[in-house]
């Protein structure tokens, strides 16, 4: 199982995905998008921070909102046709649960790897 988990490391981070009946709801980049929406109140600024295109960010927000029982992001269209947005309570809750799962998996993998002298895992275990 450890070998499988290590194989799934992508860019130095564990692959964690929360899925619902319709498919993926929340993964690492979507969580980063939600975090940046919460911080900036802007889908465009959040997209730049991830980095992904504004159009892709809008698509991901629509997918997440459509896959969830209640929307994760509430969009408010500004005068400039760039969406302003904020996380709903459901979005804040989903984000918190995702990072809890992510950090739990990361700590578990790092604890198992700590007895092994494989320097390539040091940077993975040191960052989010």
C-alpha atoms as a PDB file:
ATOM      1  CA  UNK A   1       0.000   0.000   0.000  1.00  0.00           C
ATOM      2  CA  UNK A   2       2.837   2.406   0.783  1.00  0.00           C
ATOM      3  CA  UNK A   3       4.379   1.817  -2.641  1.00  0.00           C
ATOM      4  CA  UNK A   4       1.034   2.596  -4.271  1.00  0.00           C
ATOM      5  CA  UNK A   5       0.695   5.801  -2.231  1.00  0.00           C
ATOM      6  CA  UNK A   6       4.189   6.940  -3.127  1.00  0.00           C
ATOM      7  CA  UNK A   7       3.556   6.213  -6.812  1.00  0.00           C
ATOM      8  CA  UNK A   8       0.540   8.509  -6.626  1.00  0.00           C
ATOM      9  CA  UNK A   9       2.610  11.471  -5.478  1.00  0.00           C
ATOM     10  CA  UNK A  10       2.191  14.144  -8.105  1.00  0.00           C
ATOM     11  CA  UNK A  11       4.590  17.040  -8.118  1.00  0.00           C
ATOM     12  CA  UNK A  12       5.602  16.239  -4.546  1.00  0.00           C
ATOM     13  CA  UNK A  13       2.082  16.039  -3.117  1.00  0.00           C
ATOM     14  CA  UNK A  14      -0.290  13.184  -2.401  1.00  0.00           C
ATOM     15  CA  UNK A  15      -3.169  12.675  -4.784  1.00  0.00           C
ATOM     16  CA  UNK A  16      -6.326  13.232  -2.744  1.00  0.00           C
ATOM     17  CA  UNK A  17      -9.698  13.469  -4.448  1.00  0.00           C
ATOM     18  CA  UNK A  18     -13.153  13.770  -2.924  1.00  0.00           C
ATOM     19  CA  UNK A  19     -15.636  12.177  -5.280  1.00  0.00           C
ATOM     20  CA  UNK A  20     -19.413  12.219  -5.382  1.00  0.00           C
ATOM     21  CA  UNK A  21     -21.779  10.128  -7.482  1.00  0.00           C
ATOM     22  CA  UNK A  22     -21.330  12.380 -10.517  1.00  0.00           C
ATOM     23  CA  UNK A  23     -17.515  12.372 -10.392  1.00  0.00           C
ATOM     24  CA  UNK A  24     -14.761  14.416  -8.785  1.00  0.00           C
ATOM     25  CA  UNK A  25     -15.893  17.184  -6.465  1.00  0.00           C
ATOM     26  CA  UNK A  26     -12.691  18.422  -4.911  1.00  0.00           C
ATOM     27  CA  UNK A  27      -8.982  17.789  -5.456  1.00  0.00           C
ATOM     28  CA  UNK A  28      -5.751  19.658  -4.758  1.00  0.00           C
ATOM     29  CA  UNK A  29      -6.032  22.314  -7.487  1.00  0.00           C
ATOM     30  CA  UNK A  30      -9.744  22.828  -6.929  1.00  0.00           C
ATOM     31  CA  UNK A  31      -9.049  23.274  -3.213  1.00  0.00           C
ATOM     32  CA  UNK A  32      -6.375  25.834  -4.058  1.00  0.00           C
ATOM     33  CA  UNK A  33      -8.889  27.597  -6.318  1.00  0.00           C
ATOM     34  CA  UNK A  34     -11.434  27.724  -3.471  1.00  0.00           C
ATOM     35  CA  UNK A  35      -8.787  29.006  -1.047  1.00  0.00           C
ATOM     36  CA  UNK A  36      -7.851  31.778  -3.429  1.00  0.00           C
ATOM     37  CA  UNK A  37     -11.490  32.688  -4.062  1.00  0.00           C
ATOM     38  CA  UNK A  38     -11.945  32.979  -0.292  1.00  0.00           C
ATOM     39  CA  UNK A  39      -8.835  35.152  -0.002  1.00  0.00           C
ATOM     40  CA  UNK A  40      -9.465  37.444  -2.984  1.00  0.00           C
ATOM     41  CA  UNK A  41     -13.264  37.356  -3.490  1.00  0.00           C
ATOM     42  CA  UNK A  42     -12.417  37.099  -7.182  1.00  0.00           C
ATOM     43  CA  UNK A  43     -12.526  34.130  -9.511  1.00  0.00           C
ATOM     44  CA  UNK A  44     -10.128  35.899 -11.888  1.00  0.00           C
ATOM     45  CA  UNK A  45      -7.557  36.570  -9.149  1.00  0.00           C
ATOM     46  CA  UNK A  46      -7.968  33.017  -7.839  1.00  0.00           C
ATOM     47  CA  UNK A  47      -7.405  31.623 -11.344  1.00  0.00           C
ATOM     48  CA  UNK A  48      -4.200  33.651 -11.694  1.00  0.00           C
ATOM     49  CA  UNK A  49      -2.946  32.370  -8.340  1.00  0.00           C
ATOM     50  CA  UNK A  50      -3.508  28.662  -9.135  1.00  0.00           C
ATOM     51  CA  UNK A  51      -2.532  29.302 -12.155  1.00  0.00           C
ATOM     52  CA  UNK A  52      -5.290  28.379 -14.605  1.00  0.00           C
ATOM     53  CA  UNK A  53      -7.306  30.362 -17.125  1.00  0.00           C
ATOM     54  CA  UNK A  54     -10.261  32.410 -15.965  1.00  0.00           C
ATOM     55  CA  UNK A  55     -12.545  30.361 -18.227  1.00  0.00           C
ATOM     56  CA  UNK A  56     -11.297  27.092 -16.719  1.00  0.00           C
ATOM     57  CA  UNK A  57     -11.782  28.482 -13.208  1.00  0.00           C
ATOM     58  CA  UNK A  58     -15.396  29.373 -14.046  1.00  0.00           C
ATOM     59  CA  UNK A  59     -15.900  25.872 -15.454  1.00  0.00           C
ATOM     60  CA  UNK A  60     -14.487  24.292 -12.276  1.00  0.00           C
ATOM     61  CA  UNK A  61     -16.698  26.454 -10.067  1.00  0.00           C
ATOM     62  CA  UNK A  62     -19.740  25.372 -12.093  1.00  0.00           C
ATOM     63  CA  UNK A  63     -18.689  21.701 -11.880  1.00  0.00           C
ATOM     64  CA  UNK A  64     -18.145  21.894  -8.113  1.00  0.00           C
ATOM     65  CA  UNK A  65     -21.420  23.749  -7.550  1.00  0.00           C
ATOM     66  CA  UNK A  66     -23.295  21.281  -9.757  1.00  0.00           C
ATOM     67  CA  UNK A  67     -21.768  18.249  -8.039  1.00  0.00           C
ATOM     68  CA  UNK A  68     -22.522  19.436  -4.532  1.00  0.00           C
ATOM     69  CA  UNK A  69     -25.902  19.298  -2.790  1.00  0.00           C
ATOM     70  CA  UNK A  70     -25.452  22.992  -2.028  1.00  0.00           C
ATOM     71  CA  UNK A  71     -23.206  25.392  -3.975  1.00  0.00           C
ATOM     72  CA  UNK A  72     -19.639  25.801  -2.732  1.00  0.00           C
ATOM     73  CA  UNK A  73     -19.150  29.197  -4.381  1.00  0.00           C
ATOM     74  CA  UNK A  74     -21.585  32.065  -4.657  1.00  0.00           C
ATOM     75  CA  UNK A  75     -20.899  34.223  -7.715  1.00  0.00           C
ATOM     76  CA  UNK A  76     -21.735  37.900  -7.843  1.00  0.00           C
ATOM     77  CA  UNK A  77     -21.259  39.477 -11.248  1.00  0.00           C
ATOM     78  CA  UNK A  78     -19.423  42.768 -11.166  1.00  0.00           C
ATOM     79  CA  UNK A  79     -19.858  45.633 -13.615  1.00  0.00           C
ATOM     80  CA  UNK A  80     -16.692  44.628 -15.533  1.00  0.00           C
ATOM     81  CA  UNK A  81     -18.155  41.170 -16.364  1.00  0.00           C
ATOM     82  CA  UNK A  82     -15.503  39.547 -14.136  1.00  0.00           C
ATOM     83  CA  UNK A  83     -17.098  37.393 -11.479  1.00  0.00           C
ATOM     84  CA  UNK A  84     -16.679  38.335  -7.870  1.00  0.00           C
ATOM     85  CA  UNK A  85     -17.306  35.403  -5.588  1.00  0.00           C
ATOM     86  CA  UNK A  86     -17.269  34.085  -2.063  1.00  0.00           C
ATOM     87  CA  UNK A  87     -17.322  30.652  -0.503  1.00  0.00           C
ATOM     88  CA  UNK A  88     -20.610  29.525   0.938  1.00  0.00           C
ATOM     89  CA  UNK A  89     -20.647  27.813   4.343  1.00  0.00           C
ATOM     90  CA  UNK A  90     -20.767  24.509   2.420  1.00  0.00           C
ATOM     91  CA  UNK A  91     -17.689  25.598   0.458  1.00  0.00           C
ATOM     92  CA  UNK A  92     -15.811  26.530   3.628  1.00  0.00           C
ATOM     93  CA  UNK A  93     -16.760  23.183   5.170  1.00  0.00           C
ATOM     94  CA  UNK A  94     -15.738  21.180   2.076  1.00  0.00           C
ATOM     95  CA  UNK A  95     -12.414  23.012   1.895  1.00  0.00           C
ATOM     96  CA  UNK A  96     -11.682  22.403   5.572  1.00  0.00           C
ATOM     97  CA  UNK A  97     -12.515  18.692   5.234  1.00  0.00           C
ATOM     98  CA  UNK A  98     -10.380  18.356   2.106  1.00  0.00           C
ATOM     99  CA  UNK A  99      -7.291  19.847   3.801  1.00  0.00           C
ATOM    100  CA  UNK A 100      -7.894  17.700   6.886  1.00  0.00           C
ATOM    101  CA  UNK A 101      -7.900  14.566   4.705  1.00  0.00           C
ATOM    102  CA  UNK A 102      -4.944  15.788   2.684  1.00  0.00           C
ATOM    103  CA  UNK A 103      -2.834  16.517   5.765  1.00  0.00           C
ATOM    104  CA  UNK A 104      -3.814  13.226   7.404  1.00  0.00           C
ATOM    105  CA  UNK A 105      -2.682  11.296   4.327  1.00  0.00           C
ATOM    106  CA  UNK A 106       0.506  13.336   4.064  1.00  0.00           C
ATOM    107  CA  UNK A 107       1.406  12.736   7.707  1.00  0.00           C
ATOM    108  CA  UNK A 108       0.694   9.034   7.331  1.00  0.00           C
ATOM    109  CA  UNK A 109       2.930   8.706   4.281  1.00  0.00           C
ATOM    110  CA  UNK A 110       5.689  10.798   5.849  1.00  0.00           C
ATOM    111  CA  UNK A 111       5.582   8.750   9.050  1.00  0.00           C
ATOM    112  CA  UNK A 112       6.001   5.568   7.046  1.00  0.00           C
ATOM    113  CA  UNK A 113       8.798   7.062   4.945  1.00  0.00           C
ATOM    114  CA  UNK A 114      10.667   8.567   7.895  1.00  0.00           C
ATOM    115  CA  UNK A 115      12.355   5.253   8.635  1.00  0.00           C
ATOM    116  CA  UNK A 116      13.563   5.020   5.050  1.00  0.00           C
ATOM    117  CA  UNK A 117      16.574   7.042   3.963  1.00  0.00           C
ATOM    118  CA  UNK A 118      15.150   8.362   0.712  1.00  0.00           C
ATOM    119  CA  UNK A 119      16.099  12.038   0.392  1.00  0.00           C
ATOM    120  CA  UNK A 120      13.690  12.547  -2.502  1.00  0.00           C
ATOM    121  CA  UNK A 121      10.769  12.408  -0.039  1.00  0.00           C
ATOM    122  CA  UNK A 122      12.146  15.130   2.256  1.00  0.00           C
ATOM    123  CA  UNK A 123      10.765  18.043   0.233  1.00  0.00           C
ATOM    124  CA  UNK A 124       7.393  16.329  -0.123  1.00  0.00           C
ATOM    125  CA  UNK A 125       7.091  15.861   3.630  1.00  0.00           C
ATOM    126  CA  UNK A 126       8.108  19.457   4.299  1.00  0.00           C
ATOM    127  CA  UNK A 127       5.403  21.284   2.326  1.00  0.00           C
ATOM    128  CA  UNK A 128       1.683  21.321   1.946  1.00  0.00           C
END
